[in-house]
Amino acid sequence: MTNEPILFAVTEDEAGLRLDTLVTAHLPGVSRNRVQKWIDAGRVRVDGQSRKARFSVSAGQQVEVLP
């Protein structure tokens, strides 16, 4: 995995998912535990803001992951 940011938008089908579940689904091969650590460290942002793992995403939001 590179250190370049990973960017994606939340789709209508993904709306309502927890942030950790959403990011894990977009990053095959990365464990949910690792994603939760990234979230806790502020390395996952939704619309430019750090959020908690249990944050419920909405369609159209932009997610940025800094692995």
N, C-alpha and C. Protein backbone atom coordinates (compact mmCIF):
# COMPACT_ATOMS: atom_id res chain seq x y z
N MET A 1 0.85 -1.19 0.00
CA MET A 1 0.00 0.00 0.00
C MET A 1 0.89 1.24 0.00
N THR A 2 0.55 2.21 -0.83
CA THR A 2 1.32 3.44 -0.91
C THR A 2 0.90 4.41 0.19
N ASN A 3 1.65 5.47 0.33
CA ASN A 3 1.32 6.48 1.32
C ASN A 3 0.52 7.63 0.73
N GLU A 4 0.08 7.46 -0.51
CA GLU A 4 -0.73 8.50 -1.13
C GLU A 4 -2.15 8.44 -0.60
N PRO A 5 -2.80 9.59 -0.45
CA PRO A 5 -4.18 9.59 0.05
C PRO A 5 -5.11 8.80 -0.87
N ILE A 6 -6.06 8.14 -0.26
CA ILE A 6 -7.10 7.42 -0.99
C ILE A 6 -8.37 8.23 -0.82
N LEU A 7 -9.00 8.60 -1.94
CA LEU A 7 -10.18 9.44 -1.92
C LEU A 7 -11.35 8.72 -2.56
N PHE A 8 -12.52 8.84 -1.96
CA PHE A 8 -13.72 8.31 -2.59
C PHE A 8 -14.94 9.01 -2.01
N ALA A 9 -16.03 8.96 -2.77
CA ALA A 9 -17.30 9.56 -2.34
C ALA A 9 -18.24 8.45 -1.87
N VAL A 10 -19.04 8.76 -0.86
CA VAL A 10 -20.02 7.83 -0.35
C VAL A 10 -21.19 7.76 -1.33
N THR A 11 -21.56 6.55 -1.73
CA THR A 11 -22.67 6.37 -2.66
C THR A 11 -24.00 6.28 -1.90
N GLU A 12 -25.09 6.34 -2.65
CA GLU A 12 -26.43 6.18 -2.04
C GLU A 12 -26.53 4.84 -1.33
N ASP A 13 -25.99 3.79 -1.94
CA ASP A 13 -26.05 2.45 -1.35
C ASP A 13 -25.24 2.35 -0.05
N GLU A 14 -24.21 3.17 0.09
CA GLU A 14 -23.35 3.12 1.27
C GLU A 14 -23.83 4.04 2.39
N ALA A 15 -24.76 4.92 2.10
CA ALA A 15 -25.26 5.87 3.11
C ALA A 15 -25.78 5.10 4.32
N GLY A 16 -25.43 5.59 5.50
CA GLY A 16 -25.87 4.97 6.74
C GLY A 16 -24.86 4.00 7.33
N LEU A 17 -23.84 3.62 6.55
CA LEU A 17 -22.82 2.72 7.08
C LEU A 17 -21.95 3.44 8.11
N ARG A 18 -21.38 2.66 9.02
CA ARG A 18 -20.37 3.21 9.93
C ARG A 18 -19.12 3.53 9.11
N LEU A 19 -18.39 4.53 9.54
CA LEU A 19 -17.19 4.95 8.82
C LEU A 19 -16.18 3.81 8.74
N ASP A 20 -15.95 3.09 9.84
CA ASP A 20 -14.95 2.01 9.80
C ASP A 20 -15.36 0.89 8.86
N THR A 21 -16.64 0.58 8.81
CA THR A 21 -17.14 -0.45 7.90
C THR A 21 -16.98 -0.01 6.45
N LEU A 22 -17.30 1.24 6.17
CA LEU A 22 -17.19 1.79 4.82
C LEU A 22 -15.75 1.75 4.32
N VAL A 23 -14.82 2.24 5.14
CA VAL A 23 -13.42 2.29 4.71
C VAL A 23 -12.88 0.88 4.51
N THR A 24 -13.23 -0.03 5.40
CA THR A 24 -12.79 -1.42 5.26
C THR A 24 -13.28 -2.02 3.95
N ALA A 25 -14.52 -1.71 3.57
CA ALA A 25 -15.08 -2.23 2.31
C ALA A 25 -14.33 -1.68 1.10
N HIS A 26 -13.82 -0.46 1.20
CA HIS A 26 -13.10 0.16 0.08
C HIS A 26 -11.64 -0.25 0.01
N LEU A 27 -11.13 -0.87 1.08
CA LEU A 27 -9.72 -1.25 1.11
C LEU A 27 -9.56 -2.74 1.38
N PRO A 28 -9.80 -3.57 0.38
CA PRO A 28 -9.65 -5.01 0.58
C PRO A 28 -8.24 -5.34 1.04
N GLY A 29 -8.13 -6.25 1.97
CA GLY A 29 -6.82 -6.64 2.48
C GLY A 29 -6.39 -5.84 3.69
N VAL A 30 -7.15 -4.81 4.05
CA VAL A 30 -6.85 -4.01 5.25
C VAL A 30 -7.89 -4.37 6.30
N SER A 31 -7.42 -4.74 7.49
CA SER A 31 -8.35 -5.17 8.53
C SER A 31 -9.13 -4.00 9.11
N ARG A 32 -10.31 -4.30 9.63
CA ARG A 32 -11.13 -3.27 10.27
C ARG A 32 -10.40 -2.70 11.48
N ASN A 33 -9.64 -3.54 12.18
CA ASN A 33 -8.87 -3.08 13.33
C ASN A 33 -7.86 -2.02 12.91
N ARG A 34 -7.17 -2.24 11.80
CA ARG A 34 -6.19 -1.26 11.31
C ARG A 34 -6.90 0.03 10.91
N VAL A 35 -8.04 -0.10 10.23
CA VAL A 35 -8.82 1.07 9.83
C VAL A 35 -9.25 1.86 11.08
N GLN A 36 -9.68 1.18 12.12
CA GLN A 36 -10.08 1.86 13.35
C GLN A 36 -8.91 2.62 13.97
N LYS A 37 -7.71 2.05 13.90
CA LYS A 37 -6.52 2.75 14.41
C LYS A 37 -6.23 4.00 13.58
N TRP A 38 -6.39 3.90 12.26
CA TRP A 38 -6.20 5.07 11.40
C TRP A 38 -7.21 6.15 11.76
N ILE A 39 -8.46 5.74 11.98
CA ILE A 39 -9.50 6.70 12.34
C ILE A 39 -9.16 7.38 13.67
N ASP A 40 -8.76 6.59 14.65
CA ASP A 40 -8.39 7.14 15.97
C ASP A 40 -7.22 8.11 15.87
N ALA A 41 -6.32 7.86 14.92
CA ALA A 41 -5.14 8.72 14.73
C ALA A 41 -5.45 9.94 13.86
N GLY A 42 -6.69 10.07 13.39
CA GLY A 42 -7.06 11.22 12.56
C GLY A 42 -6.63 11.08 11.11
N ARG A 43 -6.34 9.87 10.69
CA ARG A 43 -5.87 9.64 9.32
C ARG A 43 -7.00 9.32 8.35
N VAL A 44 -8.23 9.36 8.84
CA VAL A 44 -9.41 9.20 7.99
C VAL A 44 -10.29 10.42 8.22
N ARG A 45 -10.64 11.11 7.14
CA ARG A 45 -11.45 12.33 7.26
C ARG A 45 -12.68 12.23 6.37
N VAL A 46 -13.74 12.83 6.85
CA VAL A 46 -14.98 12.91 6.08
C VAL A 46 -15.23 14.40 5.84
N ASP A 47 -15.28 14.79 4.58
CA ASP A 47 -15.44 16.20 4.21
C ASP A 47 -14.43 17.07 4.96
N GLY A 48 -13.20 16.56 5.09
CA GLY A 48 -12.11 17.32 5.69
C GLY A 48 -12.03 17.27 7.20
N GLN A 49 -12.95 16.57 7.86
CA GLN A 49 -12.97 16.52 9.32
C GLN A 49 -12.75 15.10 9.82
N SER A 50 -11.97 14.97 10.88
CA SER A 50 -11.80 13.68 11.54
C SER A 50 -13.12 13.30 12.19
N ARG A 51 -13.46 12.04 12.12
CA ARG A 51 -14.70 11.52 12.72
C ARG A 51 -14.38 10.25 13.49
N LYS A 52 -15.30 9.84 14.34
CA LYS A 52 -15.16 8.60 15.09
C LYS A 52 -15.52 7.41 14.20
N ALA A 53 -15.06 6.21 14.58
CA ALA A 53 -15.31 5.00 13.80
C ALA A 53 -16.80 4.73 13.64
N ARG A 54 -17.59 5.09 14.64
CA ARG A 54 -19.03 4.81 14.60
C ARG A 54 -19.84 5.86 13.83
N PHE A 55 -19.16 6.88 13.30
CA PHE A 55 -19.83 7.93 12.54
C PHE A 55 -20.60 7.32 11.37
N SER A 56 -21.83 7.73 11.20
CA SER A 56 -22.69 7.24 10.12
C SER A 56 -22.55 8.18 8.91
N VAL A 57 -22.09 7.63 7.80
CA VAL A 57 -21.84 8.45 6.61
C VAL A 57 -23.11 8.70 5.82
N SER A 58 -23.08 9.78 5.05
CA SER A 58 -24.22 10.15 4.18
C SER A 58 -23.75 10.17 2.73
N ALA A 59 -24.67 9.92 1.84
CA ALA A 59 -24.37 9.93 0.40
C ALA A 59 -23.79 11.28 0.00
N GLY A 60 -22.76 11.22 -0.83
CA GLY A 60 -22.13 12.43 -1.35
C GLY A 60 -20.96 12.93 -0.53
N GLN A 61 -20.80 12.43 0.69
CA GLN A 61 -19.67 12.87 1.50
C GLN A 61 -18.38 12.35 0.89
N GLN A 62 -17.31 13.12 1.04
CA GLN A 62 -16.00 12.76 0.53
C GLN A 62 -15.17 12.19 1.67
N VAL A 63 -14.58 11.01 1.44
CA VAL A 63 -13.75 10.35 2.43
C VAL A 63 -12.31 10.36 1.95
N GLU A 64 -11.41 10.72 2.85
CA GLU A 64 -9.97 10.73 2.56
C GLU A 64 -9.28 9.84 3.58
N VAL A 65 -8.48 8.91 3.09
CA VAL A 65 -7.73 7.99 3.96
C VAL A 65 -6.25 8.24 3.72
N LEU A 66 -5.52 8.45 4.80
CA LEU A 66 -4.06 8.62 4.73
C LEU A 66 -3.42 7.39 5.37
N PRO A 67 -3.17 6.35 4.58
CA PRO A 67 -2.65 5.10 5.14
C PRO A 67 -1.23 5.23 5.69
